[in-house]
Amino acid sequence: MFADADDKTAMKAFPRRWLTFFGGCILVLLIMLLFEHTLASVK
């Protein structure tokens, strides 16, 4: 999936892969914040 035979195709796909990586990181961050807000709240 992430293996390319040459640099030209790898560089062409880089922006999509970069956005996928950071989109996944942001998704994990939002899920962690949601859990922290709902499950770890102390009243």
C-alpha atoms as a PDB file:
ATOM      1  CA  MET A   1       0.000   0.000   0.000  1.00  0.00           C
ATOM      2  CA  PHE A   2       2.754   2.481   0.912  1.00  0.00           C
ATOM      3  CA  ALA A   3       5.522   0.903  -1.173  1.00  0.00           C
ATOM      4  CA  ASP A   4       6.379   2.695  -4.412  1.00  0.00           C
ATOM      5  CA  ALA A   5       8.881   1.566  -6.994  1.00  0.00           C
ATOM      6  CA  ASP A   6      10.247   5.020  -7.745  1.00  0.00           C
ATOM      7  CA  ASP A   7      10.470   8.426  -6.109  1.00  0.00           C
ATOM      8  CA  LYS A   8       8.218  10.180  -8.604  1.00  0.00           C
ATOM      9  CA  THR A   9       5.103   8.235  -7.641  1.00  0.00           C
ATOM     10  CA  ALA A  10       6.037   8.413  -3.963  1.00  0.00           C
ATOM     11  CA  MET A  11       6.340  12.203  -4.059  1.00  0.00           C
ATOM     12  CA  LYS A  12       3.097  12.444  -6.005  1.00  0.00           C
ATOM     13  CA  ALA A  13       1.237  10.541  -3.281  1.00  0.00           C
ATOM     14  CA  PHE A  14       2.957  12.346  -0.383  1.00  0.00           C
ATOM     15  CA  PRO A  15       0.325  15.081   0.232  1.00  0.00           C
ATOM     16  CA  ARG A  16      -2.480  12.514   0.479  1.00  0.00           C
ATOM     17  CA  ARG A  17      -0.456  10.350   2.843  1.00  0.00           C
ATOM     18  CA  TRP A  18       0.520  13.392   4.938  1.00  0.00           C
ATOM     19  CA  LEU A  19      -3.110  14.460   5.268  1.00  0.00           C
ATOM     20  CA  THR A  20      -4.164  10.906   6.100  1.00  0.00           C
ATOM     21  CA  PHE A  21      -1.543  10.704   8.861  1.00  0.00           C
ATOM     22  CA  PHE A  22      -2.439  14.030  10.451  1.00  0.00           C
ATOM     23  CA  GLY A  23      -6.155  13.391   9.988  1.00  0.00           C
ATOM     24  CA  GLY A  24      -5.751  10.144  11.905  1.00  0.00           C
ATOM     25  CA  CYS A  25      -3.770  11.896  14.643  1.00  0.00           C
ATOM     26  CA  ILE A  26      -6.468  14.548  14.999  1.00  0.00           C
ATOM     27  CA  LEU A  27      -9.135  11.854  15.145  1.00  0.00           C
ATOM     28  CA  VAL A  28      -7.284  10.057  17.955  1.00  0.00           C
ATOM     29  CA  LEU A  29      -6.857  13.371  19.789  1.00  0.00           C
ATOM     30  CA  LEU A  30     -10.574  14.142  19.550  1.00  0.00           C
ATOM     31  CA  ILE A  31     -11.507  10.675  20.798  1.00  0.00           C
ATOM     32  CA  MET A  32      -9.100  11.028  23.739  1.00  0.00           C
ATOM     33  CA  LEU A  33     -10.542  14.440  24.621  1.00  0.00           C
ATOM     34  CA  LEU A  34     -14.074  13.078  24.406  1.00  0.00           C
ATOM     35  CA  PHE A  35     -13.223  10.178  26.727  1.00  0.00           C
ATOM     36  CA  GLU A  36     -11.415  12.490  29.118  1.00  0.00           C
ATOM     37  CA  HIS A  37     -14.384  14.833  29.207  1.00  0.00           C
ATOM     38  CA  THR A  38     -17.011  12.138  29.712  1.00  0.00           C
ATOM     39  CA  LEU A  39     -15.325   9.310  31.627  1.00  0.00           C
ATOM     40  CA  ALA A  40     -12.719  11.091  33.741  1.00  0.00           C
ATOM     41  CA  SER A  41     -14.830  13.999  34.920  1.00  0.00           C
ATOM     42  CA  VAL A  42     -14.886  14.471  38.691  1.00  0.00           C
ATOM     43  CA  LYS A  43     -17.829  16.198  40.323  1.00  0.00           C
END
